[in-house]
Amino acid sequence: MYAVIRTQGQQTTVREGELVDVNKLPGHIGSEVVFDDVLLVSDGNDIAVGRPTVAGAKVVGEIVSQFRGKKIRVYKFKRRKGYSRTQGHRQDYTKVRIKAITR
């Protein structure tokens, strides 16, 4: 069984028992997270597609860890103007273990 959820503007495909990295969610390690914004649910034979969401469907997960992603470099440059800027960015993520997908 799998589902497509929307969290903080991003869509993610999840399966039961899977570890998923999503943008940082509030909560502590071990706390439960419920995703109500379910766009699609499939159990192998039957597929339910929401318009825009599947009514009554939810995905329950548990926060495993809070971490920061790999650092990226943002470099801006304008030729012949003497302008260049370097900036770094590290995104905050939450690792979630999917416990149940209900319909």
PDB file of N, CA and C in Angstrom:
ATOM      1  N   MET A   1       0.845  -1.176   0.000  1.00  0.00           N
ATOM      2  CA  MET A   1       0.000   0.000   0.000  1.00  0.00           C
ATOM      3  C   MET A   1       0.888   1.236   0.000  1.00  0.00           C
ATOM      4  N   TYR A   2       0.534   2.209  -0.835  1.00  0.00           N
ATOM      5  CA  TYR A   2       1.285   3.447  -0.872  1.00  0.00           C
ATOM      6  C   TYR A   2       0.338   4.622  -1.019  1.00  0.00           C
ATOM      7  N   ALA A   3       0.870   5.808  -0.754  1.00  0.00           N
ATOM      8  CA  ALA A   3       0.069   7.029  -0.830  1.00  0.00           C
ATOM      9  C   ALA A   3       0.968   8.177  -1.284  1.00  0.00           C
ATOM     10  N   VAL A   4       0.334   9.200  -1.841  1.00  0.00           N
ATOM     11  CA  VAL A   4       1.028  10.433  -2.187  1.00  0.00           C
ATOM     12  C   VAL A   4       0.480  11.507  -1.262  1.00  0.00           C
ATOM     13  N   ILE A   5       1.368  12.121  -0.477  1.00  0.00           N
ATOM     14  CA  ILE A   5       0.950  13.154   0.465  1.00  0.00           C
ATOM     15  C   ILE A   5       1.542  14.486   0.053  1.00  0.00           C
ATOM     16  N   ARG A   6       0.897  15.554   0.507  1.00  0.00           N
ATOM     17  CA  ARG A   6       1.425  16.901   0.289  1.00  0.00           C
ATOM     18  C   ARG A   6       1.753  17.481   1.660  1.00  0.00           C
ATOM     19  N   THR A   7       2.999  17.870   1.826  1.00  0.00           N
ATOM     20  CA  THR A   7       3.424  18.481   3.075  1.00  0.00           C
ATOM     21  C   THR A   7       4.295  19.684   2.756  1.00  0.00           C
ATOM     22  N   GLN A   8       3.891  20.833   3.226  1.00  0.00           N
ATOM     23  CA  GLN A   8       4.605  22.091   3.060  1.00  0.00           C
ATOM     24  C   GLN A   8       4.883  22.385   1.590  1.00  0.00           C
ATOM     25  N   GLY A   9       3.877  22.133   0.746  1.00  0.00           N
ATOM     26  CA  GLY A   9       3.984  22.477  -0.664  1.00  0.00           C
ATOM     27  C   GLY A   9       4.708  21.467  -1.526  1.00  0.00           C
ATOM     28  N   GLN A  10       5.158  20.357  -0.961  1.00  0.00           N
ATOM     29  CA  GLN A  10       5.862  19.338  -1.727  1.00  0.00           C
ATOM     30  C   GLN A  10       5.109  18.021  -1.660  1.00  0.00           C
ATOM     31  N   GLN A  11       5.082  17.294  -2.774  1.00  0.00           N
ATOM     32  CA  GLN A  11       4.425  15.994  -2.828  1.00  0.00           C
ATOM     33  C   GLN A  11       5.455  14.895  -2.619  1.00  0.00           C
ATOM     34  N   THR A  12       5.076  13.880  -1.822  1.00  0.00           N
ATOM     35  CA  THR A  12       5.975  12.788  -1.503  1.00  0.00           C
ATOM     36  C   THR A  12       5.218  11.473  -1.576  1.00  0.00           C
ATOM     37  N   THR A  13       5.816  10.464  -2.200  1.00  0.00           N
ATOM     38  CA  THR A  13       5.243   9.125  -2.230  1.00  0.00           C
ATOM     39  C   THR A  13       5.754   8.368  -1.013  1.00  0.00           C
ATOM     40  N   VAL A  14       4.831   7.763  -0.248  1.00  0.00           N
ATOM     41  CA  VAL A  14       5.212   7.067   0.984  1.00  0.00           C
ATOM     42  C   VAL A  14       4.621   5.663   0.993  1.00  0.00           C
ATOM     43  N   ARG A  15       5.299   4.751   1.674  1.00  0.00           N
ATOM     44  CA  ARG A  15       4.823   3.384   1.896  1.00  0.00           C
ATOM     45  C   ARG A  15       4.931   3.083   3.386  1.00  0.00           C
ATOM     46  N   GLU A  16       4.150   2.128   3.852  1.00  0.00           N
ATOM     47  CA  GLU A  16       4.196   1.771   5.269  1.00  0.00           C
ATOM     48  C   GLU A  16       5.553   1.196   5.626  1.00  0.00           C
ATOM     49  N   GLY A  17       6.103   1.640   6.767  1.00  0.00           N
ATOM     50  CA  GLY A  17       7.394   1.168   7.248  1.00  0.00           C
ATOM     51  C   GLY A  17       8.590   1.887   6.650  1.00  0.00           C
ATOM     52  N   GLU A  18       8.358   2.801   5.714  1.00  0.00           N
ATOM     53  CA  GLU A  18       9.428   3.494   5.017  1.00  0.00           C
ATOM     54  C   GLU A  18       9.900   4.723   5.800  1.00  0.00           C
ATOM     55  N   LEU A  19      11.178   5.071   5.640  1.00  0.00           N
ATOM     56  CA  LEU A  19      11.719   6.301   6.202  1.00  0.00           C
ATOM     57  C   LEU A  19      11.704   7.367   5.112  1.00  0.00           C
ATOM     58  N   VAL A  20      11.123   8.538   5.416  1.00  0.00           N
ATOM     59  CA  VAL A  20      10.960   9.604   4.443  1.00  0.00           C
ATOM     60  C   VAL A  20      11.559  10.886   5.013  1.00  0.00           C
ATOM     61  N   ASP A  21      12.278  11.630   4.168  1.00  0.00           N
ATOM     62  CA  ASP A  21      12.802  12.937   4.552  1.00  0.00           C
ATOM     63  C   ASP A  21      11.877  14.012   4.012  1.00  0.00           C
ATOM     64  N   VAL A  22      11.333  14.850   4.906  1.00  0.00           N
ATOM     65  CA  VAL A  22      10.469  15.960   4.518  1.00  0.00           C
ATOM     66  C   VAL A  22      11.038  17.235   5.116  1.00  0.00           C
ATOM     67  N   ASN A  23      10.595  18.384   4.610  1.00  0.00           N
ATOM     68  CA  ASN A  23      11.025  19.643   5.198  1.00  0.00           C
ATOM     69  C   ASN A  23      10.675  19.657   6.677  1.00  0.00           C
ATOM     70  N   LYS A  24      11.420  20.420   7.441  1.00  0.00           N
ATOM     71  CA  LYS A  24      11.307  20.379   8.904  1.00  0.00           C
ATOM     72  C   LYS A  24       9.881  20.550   9.400  1.00  0.00           C
ATOM     73  N   LEU A  25       9.489  19.630  10.281  1.00  0.00           N
ATOM     74  CA  LEU A  25       8.179  19.653  10.926  1.00  0.00           C
ATOM     75  C   LEU A  25       8.375  19.955  12.407  1.00  0.00           C
ATOM     76  N   PRO A  26       7.436  20.665  13.028  1.00  0.00           N
ATOM     77  CA  PRO A  26       7.552  20.888  14.473  1.00  0.00           C
ATOM     78  C   PRO A  26       7.293  19.590  15.226  1.00  0.00           C
ATOM     79  N   GLY A  27       8.016  19.377  16.300  1.00  0.00           N
ATOM     80  CA  GLY A  27       7.833  18.173  17.103  1.00  0.00           C
ATOM     81  C   GLY A  27       9.166  17.625  17.553  1.00  0.00           C
ATOM     82  N   HIS A  28       9.088  16.721  18.517  1.00  0.00           N
ATOM     83  CA  HIS A  28      10.276  16.113  19.092  1.00  0.00           C
ATOM     84  C   HIS A  28      10.424  14.692  18.567  1.00  0.00           C
ATOM     85  N   ILE A  29      11.607  14.129  18.756  1.00  0.00           N
ATOM     86  CA  ILE A  29      11.863  12.755  18.332  1.00  0.00           C
ATOM     87  C   ILE A  29      10.937  11.822  19.106  1.00  0.00           C
ATOM     88  N   GLY A  30      10.260  10.937  18.377  1.00  0.00           N
ATOM     89  CA  GLY A  30       9.319   9.993  18.983  1.00  0.00           C
ATOM     90  C   GLY A  30       7.882  10.455  18.947  1.00  0.00           C
ATOM     91  N   SER A  31       7.634  11.736  18.626  1.00  0.00           N
ATOM     92  CA  SER A  31       6.259  12.212  18.580  1.00  0.00           C
ATOM     93  C   SER A  31       5.588  11.795  17.267  1.00  0.00           C
ATOM     94  N   GLU A  32       4.277  11.725  17.301  1.00  0.00           N
ATOM     95  CA  GLU A  32       3.489  11.261  16.164  1.00  0.00           C
ATOM     96  C   GLU A  32       3.101  12.427  15.259  1.00  0.00           C
ATOM     97  N   VAL A  33       3.118  12.184  13.946  1.00  0.00           N
ATOM     98  CA  VAL A  33       2.753  13.186  12.958  1.00  0.00           C
ATOM     99  C   VAL A  33       1.643  12.594  12.093  1.00  0.00           C
ATOM    100  N   VAL A  34       0.592  13.388  11.839  1.00  0.00           N
ATOM    101  CA  VAL A  34      -0.510  12.939  10.994  1.00  0.00           C
ATOM    102  C   VAL A  34      -0.573  13.837   9.767  1.00  0.00           C
ATOM    103  N   PHE A  35      -0.521  13.218   8.591  1.00  0.00           N
ATOM    104  CA  PHE A  35      -0.642  13.938   7.327  1.00  0.00           C
ATOM    105  C   PHE A  35      -2.062  13.734   6.811  1.00  0.00           C
ATOM    106  N   ASP A  36      -2.878  14.805   6.820  1.00  0.00           N
ATOM    107  CA  ASP A  36      -4.256  14.724   6.353  1.00  0.00           C
ATOM    108  C   ASP A  36      -4.401  15.062   4.877  1.00  0.00           C
ATOM    109  N   ASP A  37      -3.378  15.679   4.305  1.00  0.00           N
ATOM    110  CA  ASP A  37      -3.421  16.134   2.920  1.00  0.00           C
ATOM    111  C   ASP A  37      -2.959  14.997   1.999  1.00  0.00           C
ATOM    112  N   VAL A  38      -3.819  13.977   1.819  1.00  0.00           N
ATOM    113  CA  VAL A  38      -3.489  12.789   1.029  1.00  0.00           C
ATOM    114  C   VAL A  38      -4.084  12.958  -0.366  1.00  0.00           C
ATOM    115  N   LEU A  39      -3.239  12.930  -1.388  1.00  0.00           N
ATOM    116  CA  LEU A  39      -3.679  13.162  -2.762  1.00  0.00           C
ATOM    117  C   LEU A  39      -4.053  11.878  -3.489  1.00  0.00           C
ATOM    118  N   LEU A  40      -3.436  10.744  -3.115  1.00  0.00           N
ATOM    119  CA  LEU A  40      -3.692   9.464  -3.776  1.00  0.00           C
ATOM    120  C   LEU A  40      -3.420   8.343  -2.801  1.00  0.00           C
ATOM    121  N   VAL A  41      -4.260   7.292  -2.850  1.00  0.00           N
ATOM    122  CA  VAL A  41      -4.055   6.108  -2.030  1.00  0.00           C
ATOM    123  C   VAL A  41      -4.240   4.888  -2.922  1.00  0.00           C
ATOM    124  N   SER A  42      -3.312   3.921  -2.822  1.00  0.00           N
ATOM    125  CA  SER A  42      -3.408   2.704  -3.609  1.00  0.00           C
ATOM    126  C   SER A  42      -3.069   1.511  -2.729  1.00  0.00           C
ATOM    127  N   ASP A  43      -3.865   0.439  -2.842  1.00  0.00           N
ATOM    128  CA  ASP A  43      -3.573  -0.781  -2.102  1.00  0.00           C
ATOM    129  C   ASP A  43      -3.151  -1.911  -3.038  1.00  0.00           C
ATOM    130  N   GLY A  44      -2.765  -1.594  -4.247  1.00  0.00           N
ATOM    131  CA  GLY A  44      -2.333  -2.596  -5.210  1.00  0.00           C
ATOM    132  C   GLY A  44      -3.344  -2.802  -6.319  1.00  0.00           C
ATOM    133  N   ASN A  45      -4.603  -2.987  -5.951  1.00  0.00           N
ATOM    134  CA  ASN A  45      -5.661  -3.188  -6.947  1.00  0.00           C
ATOM    135  C   ASN A  45      -6.514  -1.942  -7.132  1.00  0.00           C
ATOM    136  N   ASP A  46      -6.870  -1.333  -6.023  1.00  0.00           N
ATOM    137  CA  ASP A  46      -7.778  -0.187  -6.053  1.00  0.00           C
ATOM    138  C   ASP A  46      -6.992   1.106  -5.832  1.00  0.00           C
ATOM    139  N   ILE A  47      -7.222   2.091  -6.701  1.00  0.00           N
ATOM    140  CA  ILE A  47      -6.547   3.387  -6.576  1.00  0.00           C
ATOM    141  C   ILE A  47      -7.600   4.455  -6.344  1.00  0.00           C
ATOM    142  N   ALA A  48      -7.415   5.263  -5.294  1.00  0.00           N
ATOM    143  CA  ALA A  48      -8.319   6.372  -5.000  1.00  0.00           C
ATOM    144  C   ALA A  48      -7.556   7.674  -5.225  1.00  0.00           C
ATOM    145  N   VAL A  49      -8.038   8.460  -6.182  1.00  0.00           N
ATOM    146  CA  VAL A  49      -7.416   9.739  -6.494  1.00  0.00           C
ATOM    147  C   VAL A  49      -8.319  10.839  -5.972  1.00  0.00           C
ATOM    148  N   GLY A  50      -7.760  11.779  -5.227  1.00  0.00           N
ATOM    149  CA  GLY A  50      -8.551  12.846  -4.635  1.00  0.00           C
ATOM    150  C   GLY A  50      -8.743  14.013  -5.571  1.00  0.00           C
ATOM    151  N   ARG A  51      -9.792  14.772  -5.282  1.00  0.00           N
ATOM    152  CA  ARG A  51     -10.072  15.994  -6.036  1.00  0.00           C
ATOM    153  C   ARG A  51     -10.314  17.121  -5.067  1.00  0.00           C
ATOM    154  N   PRO A  52      -9.384  17.793  -4.496  1.00  0.00           N
ATOM    155  CA  PRO A  52      -7.937  17.608  -4.604  1.00  0.00           C
ATOM    156  C   PRO A  52      -7.375  16.573  -3.637  1.00  0.00           C
ATOM    157  N   THR A  53      -8.105  16.228  -2.556  1.00  0.00           N
ATOM    158  CA  THR A  53      -7.600  15.239  -1.604  1.00  0.00           C
ATOM    159  C   THR A  53      -8.600  14.095  -1.465  1.00  0.00           C
ATOM    160  N   VAL A  54      -8.108  12.965  -0.963  1.00  0.00           N
ATOM    161  CA  VAL A  54      -8.953  11.802  -0.728  1.00  0.00           C
ATOM    162  C   VAL A  54      -9.651  12.004   0.615  1.00  0.00           C
ATOM    163  N   ALA A  55     -10.975  11.984   0.596  1.00  0.00           N
ATOM    164  CA  ALA A  55     -11.761  12.235   1.818  1.00  0.00           C
ATOM    165  C   ALA A  55     -11.557  11.097   2.817  1.00  0.00           C
ATOM    166  N   GLY A  56     -11.233  11.453   4.054  1.00  0.00           N
ATOM    167  CA  GLY A  56     -11.096  10.480   5.132  1.00  0.00           C
ATOM    168  C   GLY A  56      -9.756   9.767   5.175  1.00  0.00           C
ATOM    169  N   ALA A  57      -8.887   9.988   4.221  1.00  0.00           N
ATOM    170  CA  ALA A  57      -7.591   9.305   4.210  1.00  0.00           C
ATOM    171  C   ALA A  57      -6.585  10.090   5.045  1.00  0.00           C
ATOM    172  N   LYS A  58      -5.720   9.341   5.713  1.00  0.00           N
ATOM    173  CA  LYS A  58      -4.643   9.986   6.466  1.00  0.00           C
ATOM    174  C   LYS A  58      -3.454   9.045   6.565  1.00  0.00           C
ATOM    175  N   VAL A  59      -2.295   9.652   6.753  1.00  0.00           N
ATOM    176  CA  VAL A  59      -1.051   8.915   6.895  1.00  0.00           C
ATOM    177  C   VAL A  59      -0.467   9.275   8.257  1.00  0.00           C
ATOM    178  N   VAL A  60      -0.143   8.252   9.043  1.00  0.00           N
ATOM    179  CA  VAL A  60       0.390   8.455  10.392  1.00  0.00           C
ATOM    180  C   VAL A  60       1.864   8.074  10.389  1.00  0.00           C
ATOM    181  N   GLY A  61       2.691   8.948  10.945  1.00  0.00           N
ATOM    182  CA  GLY A  61       4.123   8.691  11.017  1.00  0.00           C
ATOM    183  C   GLY A  61       4.691   9.061  12.369  1.00  0.00           C
ATOM    184  N   GLU A  62       5.954   8.708  12.561  1.00  0.00           N
ATOM    185  CA  GLU A  62       6.650   9.008  13.811  1.00  0.00           C
ATOM    186  C   GLU A  62       7.962   9.705  13.465  1.00  0.00           C
ATOM    187  N   ILE A  63       8.271  10.785  14.165  1.00  0.00           N
ATOM    188  CA  ILE A  63       9.505  11.516  13.918  1.00  0.00           C
ATOM    189  C   ILE A  63      10.681  10.715  14.464  1.00  0.00           C
ATOM    190  N   VAL A  64      11.639  10.425  13.573  1.00  0.00           N
ATOM    191  CA  VAL A  64      12.814   9.648  13.940  1.00  0.00           C
ATOM    192  C   VAL A  64      13.979  10.578  14.271  1.00  0.00           C
ATOM    193  N   SER A  65      14.170  11.632  13.455  1.00  0.00           N
ATOM    194  CA  SER A  65      15.265  12.563  13.721  1.00  0.00           C
ATOM    195  C   SER A  65      15.012  13.893  13.032  1.00  0.00           C
ATOM    196  N   GLN A  66      15.697  14.919  13.523  1.00  0.00           N
ATOM    197  CA  GLN A  66      15.728  16.247  12.916  1.00  0.00           C
ATOM    198  C   GLN A  66      17.178  16.463  12.486  1.00  0.00           C
ATOM    199  N   PHE A  67      17.392  16.841  11.233  1.00  0.00           N
ATOM    200  CA  PHE A  67      18.761  17.015  10.766  1.00  0.00           C
ATOM    201  C   PHE A  67      18.827  18.094   9.692  1.00  0.00           C
ATOM    202  N   ARG A  68      20.050  18.434   9.312  1.00  0.00           N
ATOM    203  CA  ARG A  68      20.262  19.428   8.264  1.00  0.00           C
ATOM    204  C   ARG A  68      20.888  18.753   7.059  1.00  0.00           C
ATOM    205  N   GLY A  69      20.476  19.181   5.881  1.00  0.00           N
ATOM    206  CA  GLY A  69      20.963  18.592   4.642  1.00  0.00           C
ATOM    207  C   GLY A  69      22.352  19.076   4.276  1.00  0.00           C
ATOM    208  N   LYS A  70      22.813  18.621   3.132  1.00  0.00           N
ATOM    209  CA  LYS A  70      24.117  18.985   2.610  1.00  0.00           C
ATOM    210  C   LYS A  70      24.148  20.470   2.252  1.00  0.00           C
ATOM    211  N   LYS A  71      25.286  21.105   2.452  1.00  0.00           N
ATOM    212  CA  LYS A  71      25.422  22.528   2.162  1.00  0.00           C
ATOM    213  C   LYS A  71      25.534  22.749   0.654  1.00  0.00           C
ATOM    214  N   ILE A  72      24.794  23.742   0.180  1.00  0.00           N
ATOM    215  CA  ILE A  72      24.908  24.127  -1.223  1.00  0.00           C
ATOM    216  C   ILE A  72      25.473  25.538  -1.300  1.00  0.00           C
ATOM    217  N   ARG A  73      26.146  25.834  -2.382  1.00  0.00           N
ATOM    218  CA  ARG A  73      26.717  27.160  -2.612  1.00  0.00           C
ATOM    219  C   ARG A  73      25.880  27.872  -3.654  1.00  0.00           C
ATOM    220  N   VAL A  74      25.498  29.105  -3.353  1.00  0.00           N
ATOM    221  CA  VAL A  74      24.782  29.953  -4.292  1.00  0.00           C
ATOM    222  C   VAL A  74      25.757  31.041  -4.699  1.00  0.00           C
ATOM    223  N   TYR A  75      26.050  31.144  -5.990  1.00  0.00           N
ATOM    224  CA  TYR A  75      27.033  32.095  -6.478  1.00  0.00           C
ATOM    225  C   TYR A  75      26.385  33.005  -7.507  1.00  0.00           C
ATOM    226  N   LYS A  76      26.463  34.301  -7.267  1.00  0.00           N
ATOM    227  CA  LYS A  76      25.924  35.292  -8.194  1.00  0.00           C
ATOM    228  C   LYS A  76      27.093  36.041  -8.812  1.00  0.00           C
ATOM    229  N   PHE A  77      26.982  36.321 -10.112  1.00  0.00           N
ATOM    230  CA  PHE A  77      28.086  36.946 -10.813  1.00  0.00           C
ATOM    231  C   PHE A  77      27.555  37.764 -11.985  1.00  0.00           C
ATOM    232  N   LYS A  78      28.069  38.982 -12.133  1.00  0.00           N
ATOM    233  CA  LYS A  78      27.741  39.810 -13.291  1.00  0.00           C
ATOM    234  C   LYS A  78      29.056  40.185 -13.961  1.00  0.00           C
ATOM    235  N   ARG A  79      29.195  39.794 -15.189  1.00  0.00           N
ATOM    236  CA  ARG A  79      30.470  40.011 -15.868  1.00  0.00           C
ATOM    237  C   ARG A  79      30.715  41.490 -16.140  1.00  0.00           C
ATOM    238  N   ARG A  80      31.962  41.831 -16.093  1.00  0.00           N
ATOM    239  CA  ARG A  80      32.460  43.187 -16.367  1.00  0.00           C
ATOM    240  C   ARG A  80      31.957  44.242 -15.386  1.00  0.00           C
ATOM    241  N   LYS A  81      31.307  43.882 -14.330  1.00  0.00           N
ATOM    242  CA  LYS A  81      30.777  44.855 -13.366  1.00  0.00           C
ATOM    243  C   LYS A  81      31.475  44.782 -12.010  1.00  0.00           C
ATOM    244  N   GLY A  82      32.315  43.788 -11.820  1.00  0.00           N
ATOM    245  CA  GLY A  82      32.996  43.643 -10.541  1.00  0.00           C
ATOM    246  C   GLY A  82      32.076  43.159  -9.435  1.00  0.00           C
ATOM    247  N   TYR A  83      30.987  42.497  -9.802  1.00  0.00           N
ATOM    248  CA  TYR A  83      29.998  42.052  -8.825  1.00  0.00           C
ATOM    249  C   TYR A  83      30.021  40.537  -8.726  1.00  0.00           C
ATOM    250  N   SER A  84      30.225  40.046  -7.527  1.00  0.00           N
ATOM    251  CA  SER A  84      30.078  38.613  -7.270  1.00  0.00           C
ATOM    252  C   SER A  84      29.736  38.418  -5.805  1.00  0.00           C
ATOM    253  N   ARG A  85      28.855  37.487  -5.530  1.00  0.00           N
ATOM    254  CA  ARG A  85      28.425  37.180  -4.169  1.00  0.00           C
ATOM    255  C   ARG A  85      28.364  35.665  -4.012  1.00  0.00           C
ATOM    256  N   THR A  86      28.821  35.178  -2.894  1.00  0.00           N
ATOM    257  CA  THR A  86      28.736  33.759  -2.567  1.00  0.00           C
ATOM    258  C   THR A  86      27.922  33.617  -1.295  1.00  0.00           C
ATOM    259  N   GLN A  87      27.004  32.678  -1.321  1.00  0.00           N
ATOM    260  CA  GLN A  87      26.159  32.437  -0.164  1.00  0.00           C
ATOM    261  C   GLN A  87      25.960  30.936  -0.026  1.00  0.00           C
ATOM    262  N   GLY A  88      25.900  30.450   1.195  1.00  0.00           N
ATOM    263  CA  GLY A  88      25.665  29.039   1.446  1.00  0.00           C
ATOM    264  C   GLY A  88      24.292  28.824   2.050  1.00  0.00           C
ATOM    265  N   HIS A  89      23.769  27.592   1.898  1.00  0.00           N
ATOM    266  CA  HIS A  89      22.460  27.273   2.453  1.00  0.00           C
ATOM    267  C   HIS A  89      22.425  25.807   2.853  1.00  0.00           C
ATOM    268  N   ARG A  90      21.849  25.526   4.031  1.00  0.00           N
ATOM    269  CA  ARG A  90      21.598  24.155   4.482  1.00  0.00           C
ATOM    270  C   ARG A  90      20.140  24.063   4.876  1.00  0.00           C
ATOM    271  N   GLN A  91      19.414  23.153   4.247  1.00  0.00           N
ATOM    272  CA  GLN A  91      17.990  22.980   4.509  1.00  0.00           C
ATOM    273  C   GLN A  91      17.785  22.106   5.739  1.00  0.00           C
ATOM    274  N   ASP A  92      16.801  22.446   6.570  1.00  0.00           N
ATOM    275  CA  ASP A  92      16.436  21.640   7.722  1.00  0.00           C
ATOM    276  C   ASP A  92      15.431  20.572   7.286  1.00  0.00           C
ATOM    277  N   TYR A  93      15.650  19.335   7.719  1.00  0.00           N
ATOM    278  CA  TYR A  93      14.793  18.215   7.352  1.00  0.00           C
ATOM    279  C   TYR A  93      14.333  17.461   8.596  1.00  0.00           C
ATOM    280  N   THR A  94      13.261  16.698   8.438  1.00  0.00           N
ATOM    281  CA  THR A  94      12.770  15.793   9.460  1.00  0.00           C
ATOM    282  C   THR A  94      12.667  14.411   8.839  1.00  0.00           C
ATOM    283  N   LYS A  95      13.226  13.407   9.506  1.00  0.00           N
ATOM    284  CA  LYS A  95      13.122  12.024   9.042  1.00  0.00           C
ATOM    285  C   LYS A  95      11.921  11.395   9.745  1.00  0.00           C
ATOM    286  N   VAL A  96      10.973  10.896   8.941  1.00  0.00           N
ATOM    287  CA  VAL A  96       9.715  10.348   9.464  1.00  0.00           C
ATOM    288  C   VAL A  96       9.582   8.890   9.054  1.00  0.00           C
ATOM    289  N   ARG A  97       9.240   8.021  10.022  1.00  0.00           N
ATOM    290  CA  ARG A  97       8.917   6.618   9.716  1.00  0.00           C
ATOM    291  C   ARG A  97       7.402   6.518   9.567  1.00  0.00           C
ATOM    292  N   ILE A  98       6.933   6.043   8.416  1.00  0.00           N
ATOM    293  CA  ILE A  98       5.510   5.914   8.144  1.00  0.00           C
ATOM    294  C   ILE A  98       4.986   4.657   8.839  1.00  0.00           C
ATOM    295  N   LYS A  99       4.025   4.847   9.749  1.00  0.00           N
ATOM    296  CA  LYS A  99       3.486   3.731  10.522  1.00  0.00           C
ATOM    297  C   LYS A  99       2.217   3.157   9.911  1.00  0.00           C
ATOM    298  N   ALA A 100       1.322   4.020   9.401  1.00  0.00           N
ATOM    299  CA  ALA A 100       0.049   3.509   8.893  1.00  0.00           C
ATOM    300  C   ALA A 100      -0.508   4.439   7.814  1.00  0.00           C
ATOM    301  N   ILE A 101      -1.167   3.814   6.834  1.00  0.00           N
ATOM    302  CA  ILE A 101      -1.902   4.548   5.814  1.00  0.00           C
ATOM    303  C   ILE A 101      -3.337   4.068   5.889  1.00  0.00           C
ATOM    304  N   THR A 102      -4.257   4.969   6.229  1.00  0.00           N
ATOM    305  CA  THR A 102      -5.671   4.596   6.351  1.00  0.00           C
ATOM    306  C   THR A 102      -6.492   5.344   5.326  1.00  0.00           C
ATOM    307  N   ARG A 103      -7.637   4.749   4.989  1.00  0.00           N
ATOM    308  CA  ARG A 103      -8.482   5.296   3.954  1.00  0.00           C
ATOM    309  C   ARG A 103      -9.845   5.653   4.465  1.00  0.00           C
TER     310      ARG A 103
END
